[in-house]
Amino acid sequence: MDPVKILIYIFSATTALSMVRVVLGPTVADRMVGLTVVASQVLGLLVLIAVDRKLTFYLDVALVYDIFGFIGILAITRYVGNREAHR
């Protein structure tokens, strides 16, 4: 079996396991870390799929996904920080 396909399966499995932390995380910080890890793993999956299929389109999608993921994490952090500051 192709090593890239094996890595795709491994990344898919670890992404599913990281989603457990996002769903079951006891604190907001645990969920934030889990969400960041999932976003990084999906980015890696997109790059691996681009390499496997030899399509640069997936690299463009990965770049846009990474930018929106970073902005999303910043927005969630700001929202949680503002909410805790008002307590």
N, C-alpha and C. Protein backbone atom coordinates (compact mmCIF):
# COMPACT_ATOMS: atom_id res chain seq x y z
N MET A 1 0.84 -1.18 0.00
CA MET A 1 0.00 0.00 0.00
C MET A 1 0.89 1.25 0.00
N ASP A 2 0.40 2.26 -0.64
CA ASP A 2 1.12 3.53 -0.78
C ASP A 2 1.28 4.21 0.59
N PRO A 3 2.48 4.69 0.93
CA PRO A 3 2.68 5.34 2.23
C PRO A 3 1.80 6.57 2.44
N VAL A 4 1.49 7.29 1.37
CA VAL A 4 0.63 8.47 1.51
C VAL A 4 -0.77 8.05 1.92
N LYS A 5 -1.28 6.97 1.36
CA LYS A 5 -2.61 6.49 1.74
C LYS A 5 -2.64 6.02 3.20
N ILE A 6 -1.56 5.41 3.64
CA ILE A 6 -1.49 4.99 5.04
C ILE A 6 -1.53 6.21 5.95
N LEU A 7 -0.79 7.26 5.58
CA LEU A 7 -0.81 8.49 6.37
C LEU A 7 -2.19 9.14 6.37
N ILE A 8 -2.89 9.07 5.24
CA ILE A 8 -4.25 9.63 5.18
C ILE A 8 -5.16 8.90 6.17
N TYR A 9 -5.05 7.57 6.24
CA TYR A 9 -5.85 6.81 7.20
C TYR A 9 -5.47 7.13 8.64
N ILE A 10 -4.18 7.28 8.90
CA ILE A 10 -3.73 7.60 10.25
C ILE A 10 -4.23 8.99 10.66
N PHE A 11 -4.10 9.96 9.76
CA PHE A 11 -4.58 11.31 10.06
C PHE A 11 -6.09 11.31 10.29
N SER A 12 -6.82 10.54 9.50
CA SER A 12 -8.28 10.47 9.67
C SER A 12 -8.64 9.90 11.04
N ALA A 13 -7.93 8.85 11.45
CA ALA A 13 -8.21 8.24 12.74
C ALA A 13 -7.87 9.18 13.89
N THR A 14 -6.73 9.85 13.80
CA THR A 14 -6.35 10.75 14.90
C THR A 14 -7.24 12.00 14.93
N THR A 15 -7.77 12.39 13.78
CA THR A 15 -8.71 13.50 13.77
C THR A 15 -10.00 13.11 14.49
N ALA A 16 -10.45 11.89 14.26
CA ALA A 16 -11.65 11.41 14.95
C ALA A 16 -11.41 11.34 16.46
N LEU A 17 -10.23 10.90 16.86
CA LEU A 17 -9.92 10.84 18.28
C LEU A 17 -9.82 12.24 18.89
N SER A 18 -9.31 13.18 18.14
CA SER A 18 -9.21 14.56 18.64
C SER A 18 -10.59 15.19 18.79
N MET A 19 -11.52 14.77 17.97
CA MET A 19 -12.89 15.29 18.09
C MET A 19 -13.52 14.89 19.42
N VAL A 20 -13.07 13.77 19.98
CA VAL A 20 -13.56 13.37 21.30
C VAL A 20 -13.21 14.43 22.33
N ARG A 21 -11.99 14.99 22.24
CA ARG A 21 -11.57 16.05 23.16
C ARG A 21 -12.42 17.30 22.97
N VAL A 22 -12.78 17.59 21.72
CA VAL A 22 -13.61 18.77 21.45
C VAL A 22 -14.99 18.59 22.06
N VAL A 23 -15.55 17.40 21.93
CA VAL A 23 -16.92 17.16 22.41
C VAL A 23 -16.95 16.96 23.92
N LEU A 24 -16.01 16.20 24.46
CA LEU A 24 -16.07 15.84 25.87
C LEU A 24 -15.16 16.66 26.78
N GLY A 25 -14.41 17.59 26.21
CA GLY A 25 -13.48 18.38 27.02
C GLY A 25 -14.15 18.99 28.22
N PRO A 26 -13.58 18.79 29.40
CA PRO A 26 -14.25 19.32 30.59
C PRO A 26 -14.23 20.84 30.69
N THR A 27 -13.23 21.48 30.07
CA THR A 27 -13.17 22.94 30.14
C THR A 27 -13.16 23.51 28.73
N VAL A 28 -13.37 24.81 28.67
CA VAL A 28 -13.35 25.50 27.38
C VAL A 28 -11.94 25.45 26.78
N ALA A 29 -10.93 25.53 27.63
CA ALA A 29 -9.55 25.48 27.15
C ALA A 29 -9.25 24.13 26.49
N ASP A 30 -9.74 23.04 27.07
CA ASP A 30 -9.55 21.72 26.46
C ASP A 30 -10.21 21.65 25.10
N ARG A 31 -11.39 22.21 25.01
CA ARG A 31 -12.09 22.20 23.72
C ARG A 31 -11.38 23.05 22.68
N MET A 32 -10.82 24.17 23.11
CA MET A 32 -10.07 25.04 22.19
C MET A 32 -8.82 24.34 21.67
N VAL A 33 -8.10 23.69 22.55
CA VAL A 33 -6.91 22.96 22.13
C VAL A 33 -7.30 21.83 21.18
N GLY A 34 -8.35 21.11 21.50
CA GLY A 34 -8.82 20.04 20.64
C GLY A 34 -9.23 20.56 19.27
N LEU A 35 -9.89 21.70 19.23
CA LEU A 35 -10.31 22.28 17.96
C LEU A 35 -9.11 22.73 17.13
N THR A 36 -8.11 23.25 17.78
CA THR A 36 -6.89 23.65 17.07
C THR A 36 -6.18 22.43 16.49
N VAL A 37 -6.13 21.35 17.27
CA VAL A 37 -5.50 20.12 16.78
C VAL A 37 -6.26 19.55 15.60
N VAL A 38 -7.59 19.55 15.68
CA VAL A 38 -8.41 19.04 14.58
C VAL A 38 -8.18 19.88 13.32
N ALA A 39 -8.14 21.20 13.48
CA ALA A 39 -7.91 22.06 12.32
C ALA A 39 -6.55 21.78 11.68
N SER A 40 -5.54 21.56 12.50
CA SER A 40 -4.21 21.25 11.97
C SER A 40 -4.20 19.90 11.26
N GLN A 41 -4.90 18.94 11.81
CA GLN A 41 -4.94 17.61 11.19
C GLN A 41 -5.70 17.64 9.87
N VAL A 42 -6.77 18.39 9.80
CA VAL A 42 -7.51 18.51 8.54
C VAL A 42 -6.64 19.21 7.50
N LEU A 43 -5.88 20.20 7.92
CA LEU A 43 -4.95 20.86 7.00
C LEU A 43 -3.93 19.85 6.47
N GLY A 44 -3.39 19.03 7.34
CA GLY A 44 -2.46 17.99 6.92
C GLY A 44 -3.11 16.98 5.98
N LEU A 45 -4.37 16.64 6.27
CA LEU A 45 -5.10 15.73 5.38
C LEU A 45 -5.27 16.32 3.98
N LEU A 46 -5.60 17.59 3.91
CA LEU A 46 -5.75 18.23 2.61
C LEU A 46 -4.45 18.22 1.82
N VAL A 47 -3.35 18.45 2.50
CA VAL A 47 -2.04 18.43 1.82
C VAL A 47 -1.72 17.00 1.36
N LEU A 48 -1.98 16.01 2.21
CA LEU A 48 -1.73 14.63 1.81
C LEU A 48 -2.60 14.20 0.63
N ILE A 49 -3.85 14.62 0.62
CA ILE A 49 -4.72 14.30 -0.51
C ILE A 49 -4.21 14.98 -1.77
N ALA A 50 -3.72 16.20 -1.65
CA ALA A 50 -3.16 16.90 -2.81
C ALA A 50 -1.96 16.15 -3.37
N VAL A 51 -1.12 15.63 -2.48
CA VAL A 51 0.05 14.87 -2.92
C VAL A 51 -0.39 13.55 -3.55
N ASP A 52 -1.36 12.89 -2.94
CA ASP A 52 -1.82 11.59 -3.43
C ASP A 52 -2.46 11.70 -4.81
N ARG A 53 -3.28 12.71 -5.00
CA ARG A 53 -4.01 12.86 -6.27
C ARG A 53 -3.30 13.75 -7.27
N LYS A 54 -2.19 14.35 -6.84
CA LYS A 54 -1.41 15.25 -7.71
C LYS A 54 -2.25 16.41 -8.24
N LEU A 55 -3.04 16.99 -7.35
CA LEU A 55 -3.90 18.14 -7.69
C LEU A 55 -3.53 19.31 -6.79
N THR A 56 -3.13 20.42 -7.40
CA THR A 56 -2.76 21.59 -6.61
C THR A 56 -3.98 22.33 -6.06
N PHE A 57 -5.15 22.02 -6.58
CA PHE A 57 -6.37 22.66 -6.08
C PHE A 57 -6.54 22.44 -4.58
N TYR A 58 -6.20 21.25 -4.11
CA TYR A 58 -6.33 20.95 -2.69
C TYR A 58 -5.38 21.79 -1.84
N LEU A 59 -4.25 22.17 -2.40
CA LEU A 59 -3.34 23.05 -1.66
C LEU A 59 -3.93 24.45 -1.50
N ASP A 60 -4.64 24.92 -2.53
CA ASP A 60 -5.32 26.20 -2.43
C ASP A 60 -6.42 26.14 -1.37
N VAL A 61 -7.17 25.06 -1.37
CA VAL A 61 -8.23 24.87 -0.37
C VAL A 61 -7.61 24.80 1.03
N ALA A 62 -6.48 24.11 1.16
CA ALA A 62 -5.81 23.99 2.45
C ALA A 62 -5.37 25.36 2.97
N LEU A 63 -4.86 26.20 2.07
CA LEU A 63 -4.42 27.54 2.47
C LEU A 63 -5.59 28.38 2.97
N VAL A 64 -6.68 28.37 2.23
CA VAL A 64 -7.88 29.13 2.64
C VAL A 64 -8.44 28.57 3.94
N TYR A 65 -8.48 27.24 4.05
CA TYR A 65 -8.97 26.59 5.27
C TYR A 65 -8.13 27.01 6.48
N ASP A 66 -6.82 27.06 6.30
CA ASP A 66 -5.93 27.44 7.39
C ASP A 66 -6.17 28.88 7.82
N ILE A 67 -6.35 29.77 6.87
CA ILE A 67 -6.60 31.18 7.20
C ILE A 67 -7.91 31.33 7.96
N PHE A 68 -8.98 30.69 7.45
CA PHE A 68 -10.27 30.79 8.14
C PHE A 68 -10.24 30.10 9.50
N GLY A 69 -9.50 29.01 9.60
CA GLY A 69 -9.38 28.32 10.89
C GLY A 69 -8.69 29.19 11.92
N PHE A 70 -7.64 29.88 11.51
CA PHE A 70 -6.93 30.77 12.42
C PHE A 70 -7.82 31.92 12.87
N ILE A 71 -8.54 32.52 11.93
CA ILE A 71 -9.44 33.62 12.28
C ILE A 71 -10.56 33.13 13.19
N GLY A 72 -11.05 31.92 12.95
CA GLY A 72 -12.09 31.35 13.80
C GLY A 72 -11.61 31.12 15.22
N ILE A 73 -10.41 30.60 15.37
CA ILE A 73 -9.85 30.37 16.70
C ILE A 73 -9.67 31.70 17.43
N LEU A 74 -9.21 32.73 16.72
CA LEU A 74 -9.07 34.05 17.34
C LEU A 74 -10.42 34.59 17.79
N ALA A 75 -11.44 34.42 16.97
CA ALA A 75 -12.78 34.91 17.32
C ALA A 75 -13.33 34.18 18.54
N ILE A 76 -13.16 32.87 18.58
CA ILE A 76 -13.66 32.10 19.72
C ILE A 76 -12.91 32.49 20.99
N THR A 77 -11.60 32.67 20.88
CA THR A 77 -10.80 33.08 22.04
C THR A 77 -11.23 34.43 22.56
N ARG A 78 -11.48 35.35 21.65
CA ARG A 78 -11.92 36.68 22.08
C ARG A 78 -13.29 36.62 22.74
N TYR A 79 -14.20 35.83 22.18
CA TYR A 79 -15.54 35.69 22.76
C TYR A 79 -15.46 35.09 24.16
N VAL A 80 -14.70 34.03 24.31
CA VAL A 80 -14.58 33.38 25.62
C VAL A 80 -13.89 34.32 26.61
N GLY A 81 -12.87 35.04 26.17
CA GLY A 81 -12.19 35.99 27.04
C GLY A 81 -13.09 37.10 27.50
N ASN A 82 -13.92 37.64 26.60
CA ASN A 82 -14.86 38.69 26.97
C ASN A 82 -15.93 38.17 27.92
N ARG A 83 -16.37 36.95 27.69
CA ARG A 83 -17.41 36.37 28.54
C ARG A 83 -16.88 36.15 29.96
N GLU A 84 -15.65 35.68 30.09
CA GLU A 84 -15.08 35.47 31.41
C GLU A 84 -14.73 36.78 32.10
N ALA A 85 -14.43 37.82 31.34
CA ALA A 85 -14.08 39.11 31.94
C ALA A 85 -15.31 39.77 32.56
N HIS A 86 -16.49 39.44 32.05
CA HIS A 86 -17.73 40.05 32.57
C HIS A 86 -18.31 39.30 33.75
N ARG A 87 -17.66 38.26 34.21
CA ARG A 87 -18.19 37.51 35.36
C ARG A 87 -17.82 38.15 36.64
